Amino acid sequence: MPLLEITQSRQISASVRLDEATAAQVDQYATFIHASADDVVNKALNYVFVKDRDFQDFLKSPQAKQVSSTLRIRKAPATVEAVDSARVLKA
């Protein structure tokens, strides 16, 4: 039985680098649960964020509001409506 449940939501496009073995397992898990690799990465991260009590405490601190963004978010062209997807690149 899969640990992740996938539901549709509005997403942005971003680039991340993964170890080759991790990228392969993301693809394998996506096949296992009949979902996209994007959905697997998104849900796995959300799962970790919710379960990590120290991180939940951090989110309540003033430091959480002062974090600089390091995620490489891709902007959609101005004439095209943003597509609901996140892309995972294998490096």
Protein backbone atom coordinates (compact mmCIF):
# COMPACT_ATOMS: atom_id res chain seq x y z
CA MET A 1 0.00 0.00 0.00
CA PRO A 2 1.48 3.41 -0.97
CA LEU A 3 2.37 5.88 1.79
CA LEU A 4 1.52 8.92 -0.36
CA GLU A 5 -1.93 9.99 -1.58
CA ILE A 6 -1.87 12.27 -4.62
CA THR A 7 -4.43 15.06 -5.12
CA GLN A 8 -4.38 17.85 -7.71
CA SER A 9 -3.33 21.36 -6.63
CA ARG A 10 -1.94 24.51 -8.24
CA GLN A 11 1.78 24.13 -8.76
CA ILE A 12 4.75 26.13 -10.03
CA SER A 13 7.71 24.96 -12.11
CA ALA A 14 11.04 24.68 -10.32
CA SER A 15 14.37 22.99 -10.94
CA VAL A 16 16.03 20.76 -8.37
CA ARG A 17 19.02 18.43 -8.52
CA LEU A 18 18.77 14.89 -7.21
CA ASP A 19 21.27 12.10 -6.76
CA GLU A 20 20.95 9.65 -9.63
CA ALA A 21 19.77 6.86 -7.31
CA THR A 22 17.13 9.13 -5.75
CA ALA A 23 15.86 10.19 -9.19
CA ALA A 24 15.55 6.54 -10.20
CA GLN A 25 13.59 5.75 -7.05
CA VAL A 26 11.28 8.71 -7.63
CA ASP A 27 10.48 7.29 -11.07
CA GLN A 28 10.00 3.82 -9.62
CA TYR A 29 7.70 5.08 -6.86
CA ALA A 30 5.71 7.12 -9.37
CA THR A 31 5.17 3.98 -11.43
CA PHE A 32 4.27 2.03 -8.28
CA ILE A 33 1.50 4.48 -7.30
CA HIS A 34 0.47 5.40 -10.87
CA ALA A 35 1.36 9.07 -10.46
CA SER A 36 3.85 11.53 -11.90
CA ALA A 37 7.35 12.01 -10.54
CA ASP A 38 6.35 15.62 -9.78
CA ASP A 39 3.53 14.40 -7.55
CA VAL A 40 5.83 12.00 -5.71
CA VAL A 41 8.41 14.71 -4.93
CA ASN A 42 5.73 17.21 -3.88
CA LYS A 43 3.90 14.81 -1.57
CA ALA A 44 7.08 13.33 -0.11
CA LEU A 45 8.34 16.79 0.84
CA ASN A 46 4.98 17.78 2.33
CA TYR A 47 4.98 14.54 4.33
CA VAL A 48 8.41 15.31 5.77
CA PHE A 49 7.48 18.93 6.55
CA VAL A 50 4.36 17.88 8.48
CA LYS A 51 6.07 15.04 10.38
CA ASP A 52 9.19 16.99 11.42
CA ARG A 53 8.27 18.54 14.78
CA ASP A 54 11.45 20.61 14.96
CA PHE A 55 10.64 22.10 11.55
CA GLN A 56 7.08 22.87 12.68
CA ASP A 57 8.54 24.74 15.68
CA PHE A 58 10.93 26.59 13.36
CA LEU A 59 7.99 27.73 11.19
CA LYS A 60 6.53 29.48 14.24
CA SER A 61 9.77 31.39 14.89
CA PRO A 62 10.74 34.83 13.54
CA GLN A 63 13.64 33.17 11.67
CA ALA A 64 11.19 31.38 9.36
CA LYS A 65 10.02 34.71 7.98
CA GLN A 66 13.60 35.76 7.15
CA VAL A 67 14.58 32.81 4.94
CA SER A 68 16.00 33.73 1.54
CA SER A 69 14.73 31.66 -1.38
CA THR A 70 17.22 29.23 -2.93
CA LEU A 71 14.72 27.25 -5.02
CA ARG A 72 15.11 27.96 -8.74
CA ILE A 73 11.53 28.84 -9.76
CA ARG A 74 10.85 29.18 -13.46
CA LYS A 75 8.64 32.10 -14.46
CA ALA A 76 5.89 31.41 -17.01
CA PRO A 77 5.90 33.58 -20.16
CA ALA A 78 3.67 36.66 -19.73
CA THR A 79 1.38 35.69 -22.63
CA VAL A 80 0.91 32.08 -21.57
CA GLU A 81 -1.14 30.95 -18.57
CA ALA A 82 0.99 29.17 -15.96
CA VAL A 83 0.89 25.38 -16.29
CA ASP A 84 0.17 23.33 -13.17
CA SER A 85 3.38 21.32 -13.00
CA ALA A 86 6.73 21.02 -11.26
CA ARG A 87 9.65 19.55 -13.09
CA VAL A 88 12.36 17.37 -11.55
CA LEU A 89 15.62 17.36 -13.48
CA LYS A 90 18.09 14.51 -13.26
CA ALA A 91 21.61 15.90 -12.96
